[in-house]
Amino acid sequence: MTSNAPPYSVDDIAVWPDGWWASLGAVWNGHYGNRSNDYEIVREDDFARLKELGLAEDFDIP
């Protein structure tokens, strides 16, 4: 099966179930190896999802 979605970017956001988040690039570089791998990847321009997750203020989304 192929996907039309572009690959994830280092600027996309990894969000863990407890609300902790980090850039996907930092996760890929191993900076969060102490955390589980059950994070959700949210594209950096998916403002609606970032708002749903309560991260609007962190990303200056009105």
PDB file of N, CA and C in Angstrom:
ATOM      1  N   MET A   1       0.841  -1.174   0.000  1.00  0.00           N
ATOM      2  CA  MET A   1       0.000   0.000   0.000  1.00  0.00           C
ATOM      3  C   MET A   1       0.889   1.242   0.000  1.00  0.00           C
ATOM      4  N   THR A   2       0.578   2.207  -0.815  1.00  0.00           N
ATOM      5  CA  THR A   2       1.343   3.448  -0.858  1.00  0.00           C
ATOM      6  C   THR A   2       0.536   4.574  -0.235  1.00  0.00           C
ATOM      7  N   SER A   3       1.241   5.573   0.205  1.00  0.00           N
ATOM      8  CA  SER A   3       0.595   6.718   0.847  1.00  0.00           C
ATOM      9  C   SER A   3       0.977   7.985   0.101  1.00  0.00           C
ATOM     10  N   ASN A   4       0.042   8.916   0.026  1.00  0.00           N
ATOM     11  CA  ASN A   4       0.307  10.204  -0.601  1.00  0.00           C
ATOM     12  C   ASN A   4       0.858  11.216   0.396  1.00  0.00           C
ATOM     13  N   ALA A   5       0.886  10.851   1.674  1.00  0.00           N
ATOM     14  CA  ALA A   5       1.374  11.766   2.700  1.00  0.00           C
ATOM     15  C   ALA A   5       2.891  11.899   2.585  1.00  0.00           C
ATOM     16  N   PRO A   6       3.401  13.118   2.697  1.00  0.00           N
ATOM     17  CA  PRO A   6       4.860  13.282   2.663  1.00  0.00           C
ATOM     18  C   PRO A   6       5.475  12.642   3.906  1.00  0.00           C
ATOM     19  N   PRO A   7       6.761  12.312   3.853  1.00  0.00           N
ATOM     20  CA  PRO A   7       7.403  11.735   5.040  1.00  0.00           C
ATOM     21  C   PRO A   7       7.387  12.749   6.195  1.00  0.00           C
ATOM     22  N   TYR A   8       7.521  12.220   7.376  1.00  0.00           N
ATOM     23  CA  TYR A   8       7.557  13.110   8.537  1.00  0.00           C
ATOM     24  C   TYR A   8       8.811  13.962   8.505  1.00  0.00           C
ATOM     25  N   SER A   9       8.711  15.128   9.117  1.00  0.00           N
ATOM     26  CA  SER A   9       9.805  16.098   9.173  1.00  0.00           C
ATOM     27  C   SER A   9      10.395  16.116  10.581  1.00  0.00           C
ATOM     28  N   VAL A  10      11.639  16.555  10.697  1.00  0.00           N
ATOM     29  CA  VAL A  10      12.257  16.714  12.013  1.00  0.00           C
ATOM     30  C   VAL A  10      11.520  17.767  12.834  1.00  0.00           C
ATOM     31  N   ASP A  11      10.746  18.623  12.160  1.00  0.00           N
ATOM     32  CA  ASP A  11       9.990  19.672  12.855  1.00  0.00           C
ATOM     33  C   ASP A  11       8.597  19.223  13.286  1.00  0.00           C
ATOM     34  N   ASP A  12       8.178  18.025  12.885  1.00  0.00           N
ATOM     35  CA  ASP A  12       6.898  17.511  13.358  1.00  0.00           C
ATOM     36  C   ASP A  12       7.017  17.223  14.852  1.00  0.00           C
ATOM     37  N   ILE A  13       5.892  17.000  15.497  1.00  0.00           N
ATOM     38  CA  ILE A  13       5.848  16.927  16.952  1.00  0.00           C
ATOM     39  C   ILE A  13       5.472  15.532  17.422  1.00  0.00           C
ATOM     40  N   ALA A  14       6.242  15.014  18.367  1.00  0.00           N
ATOM     41  CA  ALA A  14       5.902  13.761  19.045  1.00  0.00           C
ATOM     42  C   ALA A  14       5.189  14.137  20.344  1.00  0.00           C
ATOM     43  N   VAL A  15       4.002  13.567  20.553  1.00  0.00           N
ATOM     44  CA  VAL A  15       3.227  13.873  21.757  1.00  0.00           C
ATOM     45  C   VAL A  15       2.914  12.561  22.473  1.00  0.00           C
ATOM     46  N   TRP A  16       3.358  12.455  23.725  1.00  0.00           N
ATOM     47  CA  TRP A  16       3.104  11.267  24.528  1.00  0.00           C
ATOM     48  C   TRP A  16       1.746  11.380  25.202  1.00  0.00           C
ATOM     49  N   PRO A  17       1.174  10.248  25.627  1.00  0.00           N
ATOM     50  CA  PRO A  17      -0.147  10.262  26.270  1.00  0.00           C
ATOM     51  C   PRO A  17      -0.238  11.155  27.508  1.00  0.00           C
ATOM     52  N   ASP A  18       0.886  11.395  28.182  1.00  0.00           N
ATOM     53  CA  ASP A  18       0.852  12.244  29.375  1.00  0.00           C
ATOM     54  C   ASP A  18       0.947  13.731  29.047  1.00  0.00           C
ATOM     55  N   GLY A  19       0.972  14.078  27.732  1.00  0.00           N
ATOM     56  CA  GLY A  19       1.010  15.470  27.324  1.00  0.00           C
ATOM     57  C   GLY A  19       2.403  16.007  27.045  1.00  0.00           C
ATOM     58  N   TRP A  20       3.434  15.273  27.415  1.00  0.00           N
ATOM     59  CA  TRP A  20       4.805  15.693  27.127  1.00  0.00           C
ATOM     60  C   TRP A  20       4.994  15.690  25.623  1.00  0.00           C
ATOM     61  N   TRP A  21       5.742  16.650  25.096  1.00  0.00           N
ATOM     62  CA  TRP A  21       5.972  16.695  23.663  1.00  0.00           C
ATOM     63  C   TRP A  21       7.412  17.093  23.369  1.00  0.00           C
ATOM     64  N   ALA A  22       7.849  16.772  22.155  1.00  0.00           N
ATOM     65  CA  ALA A  22       9.184  17.130  21.694  1.00  0.00           C
ATOM     66  C   ALA A  22       9.171  17.130  20.177  1.00  0.00           C
ATOM     67  N   SER A  23      10.157  17.789  19.579  1.00  0.00           N
ATOM     68  CA  SER A  23      10.254  17.719  18.124  1.00  0.00           C
ATOM     69  C   SER A  23      10.638  16.294  17.736  1.00  0.00           C
ATOM     70  N   LEU A  24      10.151  15.871  16.614  1.00  0.00           N
ATOM     71  CA  LEU A  24      10.445  14.527  16.142  1.00  0.00           C
ATOM     72  C   LEU A  24      11.943  14.366  15.886  1.00  0.00           C
ATOM     73  N   GLY A  25      12.594  15.436  15.454  1.00  0.00           N
ATOM     74  CA  GLY A  25      14.032  15.388  15.251  1.00  0.00           C
ATOM     75  C   GLY A  25      14.784  15.054  16.529  1.00  0.00           C
ATOM     76  N   ALA A  26      14.373  15.653  17.647  1.00  0.00           N
ATOM     77  CA  ALA A  26      15.015  15.363  18.928  1.00  0.00           C
ATOM     78  C   ALA A  26      14.786  13.910  19.332  1.00  0.00           C
ATOM     79  N   VAL A  27      13.600  13.401  19.066  1.00  0.00           N
ATOM     80  CA  VAL A  27      13.298  11.998  19.373  1.00  0.00           C
ATOM     81  C   VAL A  27      14.181  11.098  18.520  1.00  0.00           C
ATOM     82  N   TRP A  28      14.242  11.373  17.223  1.00  0.00           N
ATOM     83  CA  TRP A  28      15.060  10.567  16.316  1.00  0.00           C
ATOM     84  C   TRP A  28      16.535  10.597  16.694  1.00  0.00           C
ATOM     85  N   ASN A  29      16.985  11.708  17.258  1.00  0.00           N
ATOM     86  CA  ASN A  29      18.387  11.830  17.670  1.00  0.00           C
ATOM     87  C   ASN A  29      18.673  11.167  19.012  1.00  0.00           C
ATOM     88  N   GLY A  30      17.658  10.558  19.615  1.00  0.00           N
ATOM     89  CA  GLY A  30      17.848   9.806  20.846  1.00  0.00           C
ATOM     90  C   GLY A  30      17.760  10.596  22.126  1.00  0.00           C
ATOM     91  N   HIS A  31      17.319  11.839  22.048  1.00  0.00           N
ATOM     92  CA  HIS A  31      17.253  12.668  23.249  1.00  0.00           C
ATOM     93  C   HIS A  31      16.146  12.250  24.218  1.00  0.00           C
ATOM     94  N   TYR A  32      15.240  11.412  23.777  1.00  0.00           N
ATOM     95  CA  TYR A  32      14.131  11.001  24.639  1.00  0.00           C
ATOM     96  C   TYR A  32      14.070   9.484  24.757  1.00  0.00           C
ATOM     97  N   GLY A  33      15.227   8.857  24.755  1.00  0.00           N
ATOM     98  CA  GLY A  33      15.309   7.403  24.863  1.00  0.00           C
ATOM     99  C   GLY A  33      14.766   6.865  26.173  1.00  0.00           C
ATOM    100  N   ASN A  34      14.647   7.728  27.181  1.00  0.00           N
ATOM    101  CA  ASN A  34      14.098   7.311  28.468  1.00  0.00           C
ATOM    102  C   ASN A  34      12.576   7.271  28.460  1.00  0.00           C
ATOM    103  N   ARG A  35      11.963   7.769  27.407  1.00  0.00           N
ATOM    104  CA  ARG A  35      10.497   7.776  27.315  1.00  0.00           C
ATOM    105  C   ARG A  35      10.038   6.626  26.433  1.00  0.00           C
ATOM    106  N   SER A  36       8.778   6.258  26.572  1.00  0.00           N
ATOM    107  CA  SER A  36       8.228   5.165  25.776  1.00  0.00           C
ATOM    108  C   SER A  36       8.126   5.558  24.307  1.00  0.00           C
ATOM    109  N   ASN A  37       7.875   4.592  23.463  1.00  0.00           N
ATOM    110  CA  ASN A  37       7.718   4.869  22.038  1.00  0.00           C
ATOM    111  C   ASN A  37       6.252   4.908  21.624  1.00  0.00           C
ATOM    112  N   ASP A  38       5.374   5.148  22.572  1.00  0.00           N
ATOM    113  CA  ASP A  38       3.936   5.198  22.271  1.00  0.00           C
ATOM    114  C   ASP A  38       3.442   6.631  22.072  1.00  0.00           C
ATOM    115  N   TYR A  39       4.224   7.422  21.376  1.00  0.00           N
ATOM    116  CA  TYR A  39       3.838   8.806  21.105  1.00  0.00           C
ATOM    117  C   TYR A  39       3.070   8.913  19.797  1.00  0.00           C
ATOM    118  N   GLU A  40       2.295   9.975  19.708  1.00  0.00           N
ATOM    119  CA  GLU A  40       1.567  10.318  18.474  1.00  0.00           C
ATOM    120  C   GLU A  40       2.410  11.334  17.723  1.00  0.00           C
ATOM    121  N   ILE A  41       2.517  11.181  16.416  1.00  0.00           N
ATOM    122  CA  ILE A  41       3.224  12.167  15.610  1.00  0.00           C
ATOM    123  C   ILE A  41       2.193  13.119  15.017  1.00  0.00           C
ATOM    124  N   VAL A  42       2.381  14.402  15.280  1.00  0.00           N
ATOM    125  CA  VAL A  42       1.492  15.443  14.776  1.00  0.00           C
ATOM    126  C   VAL A  42       2.315  16.334  13.852  1.00  0.00           C
ATOM    127  N   ARG A  43       1.853  16.504  12.653  1.00  0.00           N
ATOM    128  CA  ARG A  43       2.577  17.373  11.715  1.00  0.00           C
ATOM    129  C   ARG A  43       2.599  18.800  12.268  1.00  0.00           C
ATOM    130  N   GLU A  44       3.703  19.479  12.053  1.00  0.00           N
ATOM    131  CA  GLU A  44       3.891  20.810  12.638  1.00  0.00           C
ATOM    132  C   GLU A  44       2.833  21.816  12.208  1.00  0.00           C
ATOM    133  N   ASP A  45       2.187  21.588  11.072  1.00  0.00           N
ATOM    134  CA  ASP A  45       1.172  22.528  10.588  1.00  0.00           C
ATOM    135  C   ASP A  45      -0.256  22.061  10.852  1.00  0.00           C
ATOM    136  N   ASP A  46      -0.416  21.014  11.661  1.00  0.00           N
ATOM    137  CA  ASP A  46      -1.751  20.515  12.005  1.00  0.00           C
ATOM    138  C   ASP A  46      -2.226  21.238  13.268  1.00  0.00           C
ATOM    139  N   PHE A  47      -2.550  22.517  13.086  1.00  0.00           N
ATOM    140  CA  PHE A  47      -2.929  23.357  14.222  1.00  0.00           C
ATOM    141  C   PHE A  47      -4.168  22.838  14.942  1.00  0.00           C
ATOM    142  N   ALA A  48      -5.103  22.270  14.210  1.00  0.00           N
ATOM    143  CA  ALA A  48      -6.319  21.757  14.839  1.00  0.00           C
ATOM    144  C   ALA A  48      -5.980  20.637  15.824  1.00  0.00           C
ATOM    145  N   ARG A  49      -5.107  19.723  15.431  1.00  0.00           N
ATOM    146  CA  ARG A  49      -4.762  18.612  16.322  1.00  0.00           C
ATOM    147  C   ARG A  49      -3.938  19.108  17.506  1.00  0.00           C
ATOM    148  N   LEU A  50      -3.038  20.035  17.271  1.00  0.00           N
ATOM    149  CA  LEU A  50      -2.256  20.582  18.372  1.00  0.00           C
ATOM    150  C   LEU A  50      -3.169  21.276  19.388  1.00  0.00           C
ATOM    151  N   LYS A  51      -4.204  21.965  18.896  1.00  0.00           N
ATOM    152  CA  LYS A  51      -5.184  22.576  19.799  1.00  0.00           C
ATOM    153  C   LYS A  51      -5.926  21.514  20.587  1.00  0.00           C
ATOM    154  N   GLU A  52      -6.360  20.443  19.910  1.00  0.00           N
ATOM    155  CA  GLU A  52      -7.079  19.354  20.583  1.00  0.00           C
ATOM    156  C   GLU A  52      -6.247  18.754  21.709  1.00  0.00           C
ATOM    157  N   LEU A  53      -4.952  18.708  21.513  1.00  0.00           N
ATOM    158  CA  LEU A  53      -4.050  18.126  22.506  1.00  0.00           C
ATOM    159  C   LEU A  53      -3.672  19.112  23.600  1.00  0.00           C
ATOM    160  N   GLY A  54      -4.187  20.342  23.513  1.00  0.00           N
ATOM    161  CA  GLY A  54      -3.913  21.354  24.528  1.00  0.00           C
ATOM    162  C   GLY A  54      -2.553  22.006  24.384  1.00  0.00           C
ATOM    163  N   LEU A  55      -1.993  21.988  23.168  1.00  0.00           N
ATOM    164  CA  LEU A  55      -0.660  22.531  22.950  1.00  0.00           C
ATOM    165  C   LEU A  55      -0.662  23.856  22.194  1.00  0.00           C
ATOM    166  N   ALA A  56      -1.817  24.458  22.017  1.00  0.00           N
ATOM    167  CA  ALA A  56      -1.915  25.703  21.245  1.00  0.00           C
ATOM    168  C   ALA A  56      -1.016  26.792  21.822  1.00  0.00           C
ATOM    169  N   GLU A  57      -1.030  26.957  23.101  1.00  0.00           N
ATOM    170  CA  GLU A  57      -0.219  28.010  23.738  1.00  0.00           C
ATOM    171  C   GLU A  57       1.273  27.758  23.524  1.00  0.00           C
ATOM    172  N   ASP A  58       1.694  26.499  23.595  1.00  0.00           N
ATOM    173  CA  ASP A  58       3.106  26.164  23.398  1.00  0.00           C
ATOM    174  C   ASP A  58       3.598  26.529  22.004  1.00  0.00           C
ATOM    175  N   PHE A  59       2.679  26.531  21.039  1.00  0.00           N
ATOM    176  CA  PHE A  59       3.045  26.801  19.656  1.00  0.00           C
ATOM    177  C   PHE A  59       2.491  28.130  19.143  1.00  0.00           C
ATOM    178  N   ASP A  60       2.045  28.985  20.064  1.00  0.00           N
ATOM    179  CA  ASP A  60       1.508  30.306  19.710  1.00  0.00           C
ATOM    180  C   ASP A  60       0.416  30.232  18.654  1.00  0.00           C
ATOM    181  N   ILE A  61      -0.495  29.261  18.829  1.00  0.00           N
ATOM    182  CA  ILE A  61      -1.629  29.106  17.925  1.00  0.00           C
ATOM    183  C   ILE A  61      -2.817  29.833  18.554  1.00  0.00           C
ATOM    184  N   PRO A  62      -3.401  30.780  17.829  1.00  0.00           N
ATOM    185  CA  PRO A  62      -4.520  31.536  18.409  1.00  0.00           C
ATOM    186  C   PRO A  62      -5.765  30.668  18.586  1.00  0.00           C
TER     187      PRO A  62
END
